[in-house]
Structure formats: C-alpha cells, structure tokens
Amino acid sequence: MKQYAILVAGGSGSRMGVALPKQFLSVADKPILVHTLERFLAYSADLQIILCLPADQLAYWQELKQAYPLAFTHPIIETPGGASRFQSVRNGLQCIQESEGLVAVHDGVRPFVPVEVIAESFRTAAQQGTAVVSVPAKDSIRLVHSETENQALDRSRLRLVQTPQTFQVAVLKKAFEQSESPLFTDDASVAEAAGFPIFLVEGSYENIKITTPEDLWMAEAILQRS
C-alpha cells in the first residue's frame, strides 16, 4: 500500500521565548524540522511526505530549502496549516486523493523518533487500522477533581502518547469527517470518537517533543550520545 506521512509543524516560539518558530530552531547546526524529515526519509525513500505549515511561514520554508539542498531532494507536498491541529491534519489529508494506503501523522518538532518505531507503526496500522505510539508513564500521577480533592492513579495502566499516529487512509479520512471538538487533543482521539479502536505501539523516551528551552538541552544531549 502507498504510504504517506503528514508532518504538522504549526508551532510558534512563544514558550521558547524567541521569535523564530520552534520547528526552525537549530539543534546541532540543523533546524529541528530538517532532523524530523531525515528520520522519515531514512525509513523509506518512497514515502510521500506532506508538510503542513502556517501560511505565513511558507516563505521562510522556501529559504530554508535553499540553505539545506541535500535534505530536500525528496519531493514534498506543502500545504498551509489551519488554526488548530485538527484543521492542519484535515488540510494534509485533502492532499491524499487515494482512499487506500497508510498515513502517519507526526509532530514536526519530534526529531528523534527511531526509524524502527516508524516502521512498526506502519506495520501495525496495515494489520489493525490504527497504530499509536506511546510509552509507559514514569512519574506518579494524580487525578485532580477540585482544588482540595485529588486521587492517585495506577501508573502501570497509563501510557504517555507520542507520534507518529498511523492509520489506514480510509479510517483517518472517515474520522476527520466529524466536526472539530475541544476534546480532540490528537489524531487518536479523533479516530476513537469516530468509533475506531486504538492499537498502541511501543515508542521511545528519546522521541521528545521540543517545546521549551529545557527540551533543547535534552535534544543536544541525545544527538551527542547518538
């Protein structure tokens, strides 16, 4: 089956305290988004990548491609993102004309996803229809009911969800026919609300989402160790 990857990169630099959107910040002299693209291209040279960027960042993206020509020999479909993640993914899905195939949705600022995790997500989605990457919770977790009432949860039954989240194309297109809801925090929640079971795939603690300055320090450490 044809395989696609929708990379969603709609972040700003607000939580980083910088003006440059976080997907364009450099780690080891290379923009985060370029690192992410390279991981997916290492998985398969036949993968069709669809990049969702805010419309006002597309011009900067064109400049970036000129600065890193070796990273952009692979054809990439570019489409403006929406006002939310839901809208951005839906825009990306509209670039897929076929009703069959597999599509992975991944955060553009998760640059260290292992290639074997990408591969396993596609394998599982081909068999089960859905495949969502996750890792066990490490910390103790409490559920807050109010300012004065909370309770401990059994962390052995909890998973921290990552991306990629991979689906059969027909499944994800059907799921995104729904109206947007504030409960849709990721693509798995959209598919679940449409009635599709969610199958989990083992992820990696190195598959971090770079959001704050502390994440940049961790990213540098990961690259130095690899």
Protein backbone atom coordinates (compact mmCIF):
# COMPACT_ATOMS: atom_id res chain seq x y z
CA MET A 1 0.00 0.00 0.00
CA LYS A 2 1.08 3.57 -0.66
CA GLN A 3 2.46 5.23 2.46
CA TYR A 4 2.16 8.87 3.46
CA ALA A 5 3.45 10.99 6.35
CA ILE A 6 1.75 14.22 7.36
CA LEU A 7 4.21 16.35 9.33
CA VAL A 8 2.40 19.01 11.33
CA ALA A 9 4.61 21.99 12.20
CA GLY A 10 2.37 24.80 13.35
CA GLY A 11 4.15 25.94 16.49
CA SER A 12 5.45 29.37 17.41
CA GLY A 13 8.42 30.33 19.53
CA SER A 14 6.36 31.73 22.41
CA ARG A 15 7.17 29.07 25.02
CA MET A 16 10.79 29.14 23.87
CA GLY A 17 10.93 32.88 24.45
CA VAL A 18 12.11 33.50 20.88
CA ALA A 19 10.55 34.99 17.75
CA LEU A 20 11.56 32.15 15.42
CA PRO A 21 9.00 29.31 15.29
CA LYS A 22 10.34 26.34 17.23
CA GLN A 23 10.37 23.96 14.25
CA PHE A 24 13.02 26.19 12.65
CA LEU A 25 15.30 26.42 15.69
CA SER A 26 18.65 24.69 15.24
CA VAL A 27 19.90 21.65 17.10
CA ALA A 28 23.46 20.64 16.23
CA ASP A 29 23.53 23.26 13.45
CA LYS A 30 20.42 21.92 11.74
CA PRO A 31 16.76 23.03 12.05
CA ILE A 32 14.56 20.73 14.12
CA LEU A 33 12.20 20.20 11.20
CA VAL A 34 15.06 19.03 8.97
CA HIS A 35 16.06 16.44 11.58
CA THR A 36 12.46 15.20 11.59
CA LEU A 37 12.27 14.96 7.81
CA GLU A 38 15.51 12.99 7.72
CA ARG A 39 14.13 10.37 10.12
CA PHE A 40 11.14 9.69 7.89
CA LEU A 41 13.23 9.63 4.72
CA ALA A 42 15.58 7.16 6.42
CA TYR A 43 12.57 4.92 6.94
CA SER A 44 11.61 4.91 3.25
CA ALA A 45 12.66 6.84 0.16
CA ASP A 46 9.24 6.02 -1.32
CA LEU A 47 7.33 7.74 1.47
CA GLN A 48 5.15 10.63 0.31
CA ILE A 49 5.64 13.45 2.80
CA ILE A 50 3.02 16.15 3.27
CA LEU A 51 4.18 19.17 5.27
CA CYS A 52 1.62 21.38 6.99
CA LEU A 53 2.98 24.81 7.89
CA PRO A 54 1.22 28.06 8.80
CA ALA A 55 0.71 30.11 5.64
CA ASP A 56 2.89 32.93 6.95
CA GLN A 57 5.82 30.52 7.39
CA LEU A 58 5.85 29.11 3.87
CA ALA A 59 8.14 31.86 2.55
CA TYR A 60 10.70 31.14 5.27
CA TRP A 61 10.40 27.44 4.43
CA GLN A 62 11.39 28.18 0.84
CA GLU A 63 14.52 29.97 2.11
CA LEU A 64 15.31 27.02 4.34
CA LYS A 65 15.18 24.63 1.41
CA GLN A 66 17.82 26.68 -0.36
CA ALA A 67 20.07 26.55 2.69
CA TYR A 68 19.83 22.76 3.06
CA PRO A 69 19.55 21.46 -0.51
CA LEU A 70 20.70 17.92 0.33
CA ALA A 71 17.79 17.50 2.72
CA PHE A 72 15.21 18.46 0.12
CA THR A 73 15.96 16.32 -2.91
CA HIS A 74 12.90 14.26 -1.99
CA PRO A 75 9.62 15.73 -3.34
CA ILE A 76 7.49 17.14 -0.52
CA ILE A 77 3.88 18.30 -0.77
CA GLU A 78 3.45 21.59 1.07
CA THR A 79 0.09 22.82 2.32
CA PRO A 80 -0.98 25.63 4.65
CA GLY A 81 -1.98 24.51 8.10
CA GLY A 82 -5.16 25.56 9.85
CA ALA A 83 -5.95 27.42 13.05
CA SER A 84 -5.70 24.17 15.04
CA ARG A 85 -4.01 20.80 14.79
CA PHE A 86 -7.31 19.24 13.73
CA GLN A 87 -7.63 21.68 10.84
CA SER A 88 -3.99 21.24 9.82
CA VAL A 89 -4.27 17.45 9.67
CA ARG A 90 -7.51 17.73 7.73
CA ASN A 91 -5.76 20.01 5.23
CA GLY A 92 -2.99 17.43 4.91
CA LEU A 93 -5.49 14.63 4.34
CA GLN A 94 -7.05 16.60 1.49
CA CYS A 95 -3.72 16.25 -0.34
CA ILE A 96 -4.23 12.47 -0.43
CA GLN A 97 -6.50 11.62 -3.34
CA GLU A 98 -6.47 7.84 -2.85
CA SER A 99 -8.82 6.09 -0.43
CA GLU A 100 -6.39 3.23 0.20
CA GLY A 101 -2.97 3.32 1.79
CA LEU A 102 -1.43 4.19 5.14
CA VAL A 103 -0.83 7.62 6.63
CA ALA A 104 1.30 8.58 9.63
CA VAL A 105 0.73 11.90 11.37
CA HIS A 106 3.77 13.22 13.21
CA ASP A 107 4.74 16.34 15.14
CA GLY A 108 7.33 18.29 13.20
CA VAL A 109 9.12 19.04 16.48
CA ARG A 110 9.68 15.37 17.40
CA PRO A 111 13.01 14.98 15.55
CA PHE A 112 14.34 11.84 17.24
CA VAL A 113 11.67 9.24 16.52
CA PRO A 114 13.53 5.96 15.86
CA VAL A 115 13.17 4.58 12.35
CA GLU A 116 12.11 1.21 13.78
CA VAL A 117 9.24 2.89 15.63
CA ILE A 118 8.03 4.46 12.37
CA ALA A 119 8.26 1.06 10.69
CA GLU A 120 6.33 -0.71 13.44
CA SER A 121 3.58 1.93 13.35
CA PHE A 122 3.07 1.32 9.63
CA ARG A 123 3.10 -2.46 10.11
CA THR A 124 0.53 -2.33 12.89
CA ALA A 125 -1.74 0.12 11.06
CA ALA A 126 -1.70 -2.14 7.99
CA GLN A 127 -2.95 -5.02 10.12
CA GLN A 128 -5.22 -3.27 12.64
CA GLY A 129 -6.25 0.00 11.01
CA THR A 130 -4.69 2.20 13.70
CA ALA A 131 -1.30 2.39 15.44
CA VAL A 132 -0.49 5.00 18.09
CA VAL A 133 2.99 5.30 19.56
CA SER A 134 3.21 5.52 23.36
CA VAL A 135 5.50 4.87 26.33
CA PRO A 136 4.81 3.86 29.96
CA ALA A 137 4.37 6.68 32.46
CA LYS A 138 7.42 7.06 34.72
CA ASP A 139 6.13 9.51 37.33
CA SER A 140 3.38 9.09 39.87
CA ILE A 141 0.15 10.61 38.57
CA ARG A 142 -2.80 12.12 40.39
CA LEU A 143 -6.25 12.95 39.04
CA VAL A 144 -7.45 16.38 40.20
CA HIS A 145 -11.16 16.68 40.95
CA SER A 146 -11.05 20.10 42.61
CA GLU A 147 -8.66 22.39 44.49
CA THR A 148 -8.97 20.23 47.59
CA GLU A 149 -9.71 16.78 46.14
CA ASN A 150 -7.41 14.55 44.09
CA GLN A 151 -6.53 10.88 43.87
CA ALA A 152 -3.61 8.66 42.90
CA LEU A 153 -3.85 6.67 39.67
CA ASP A 154 -2.23 3.34 38.88
CA ARG A 155 0.57 4.42 36.55
CA SER A 156 1.10 0.84 35.33
CA ARG A 157 -2.17 1.24 33.41
CA LEU A 158 -1.28 4.63 31.92
CA ARG A 159 0.64 5.47 28.75
CA LEU A 160 2.12 8.73 27.50
CA VAL A 161 1.08 9.23 23.90
CA GLN A 162 3.56 10.30 21.23
CA THR A 163 3.60 10.45 17.46
CA PRO A 164 3.61 9.10 14.81
CA GLN A 165 -0.02 8.08 14.94
CA THR A 166 -0.60 5.92 11.89
CA PHE A 167 -3.84 4.87 10.23
CA GLN A 168 -5.29 3.28 7.16
CA VAL A 169 -6.16 6.26 4.95
CA ALA A 170 -9.85 5.35 4.80
CA VAL A 171 -10.02 5.21 8.60
CA LEU A 172 -8.48 8.64 9.16
CA LYS A 173 -10.46 10.29 6.37
CA LYS A 174 -13.68 8.92 7.87
CA ALA A 175 -12.68 10.11 11.33
CA PHE A 176 -11.97 13.64 10.10
CA GLU A 177 -15.45 13.97 8.63
CA GLN A 178 -16.51 14.87 12.19
CA SER A 179 -16.85 18.41 13.40
CA GLU A 180 -13.92 19.63 15.46
CA SER A 181 -14.15 19.21 19.23
CA PRO A 182 -12.00 20.63 22.07
CA LEU A 183 -11.64 17.01 23.24
CA PHE A 184 -9.59 16.22 20.13
CA THR A 185 -6.08 16.57 21.50
CA ASP A 186 -4.51 14.29 18.89
CA ASP A 187 -5.43 12.10 15.94
CA ALA A 188 -6.09 9.06 18.11
CA SER A 189 -8.83 10.93 19.97
CA VAL A 190 -10.42 11.86 16.63
CA ALA A 191 -10.37 8.26 15.41
CA GLU A 192 -11.63 6.97 18.76
CA ALA A 193 -14.57 9.39 18.71
CA ALA A 194 -15.47 8.04 15.28
CA GLY A 195 -15.69 4.53 16.72
CA PHE A 196 -12.33 3.08 15.67
CA PRO A 197 -10.31 1.04 18.21
CA ILE A 198 -6.85 2.38 19.01
CA PHE A 199 -3.89 -0.01 18.94
CA LEU A 200 -0.76 1.03 20.80
CA VAL A 201 2.82 0.71 19.53
CA GLU A 202 5.87 0.89 21.80
CA GLY A 203 7.61 4.25 21.48
CA SER A 204 10.87 5.68 22.80
CA TYR A 205 11.69 8.11 25.60
CA GLU A 206 14.06 9.84 23.17
CA ASN A 207 11.09 10.69 20.95
CA ILE A 208 10.68 14.02 22.75
CA LYS A 209 8.54 16.91 21.62
CA ILE A 210 10.66 20.06 21.65
CA THR A 211 8.56 22.78 23.24
CA THR A 212 10.58 24.56 25.94
CA PRO A 213 14.24 25.61 26.37
CA GLU A 214 14.80 22.55 28.60
CA ASP A 215 13.82 20.34 25.67
CA LEU A 216 16.56 21.93 23.56
CA TRP A 217 19.16 20.96 26.15
CA MET A 218 17.87 17.39 26.09
CA ALA A 219 17.91 17.37 22.28
CA GLU A 220 21.57 18.36 22.23
CA ALA A 221 22.35 15.56 24.70
CA ILE A 222 20.51 12.98 22.59
CA LEU A 223 22.47 13.96 19.50
CA GLN A 224 25.79 13.88 21.32
CA ARG A 225 25.08 10.35 22.54
CA SER A 226 23.92 9.01 19.17
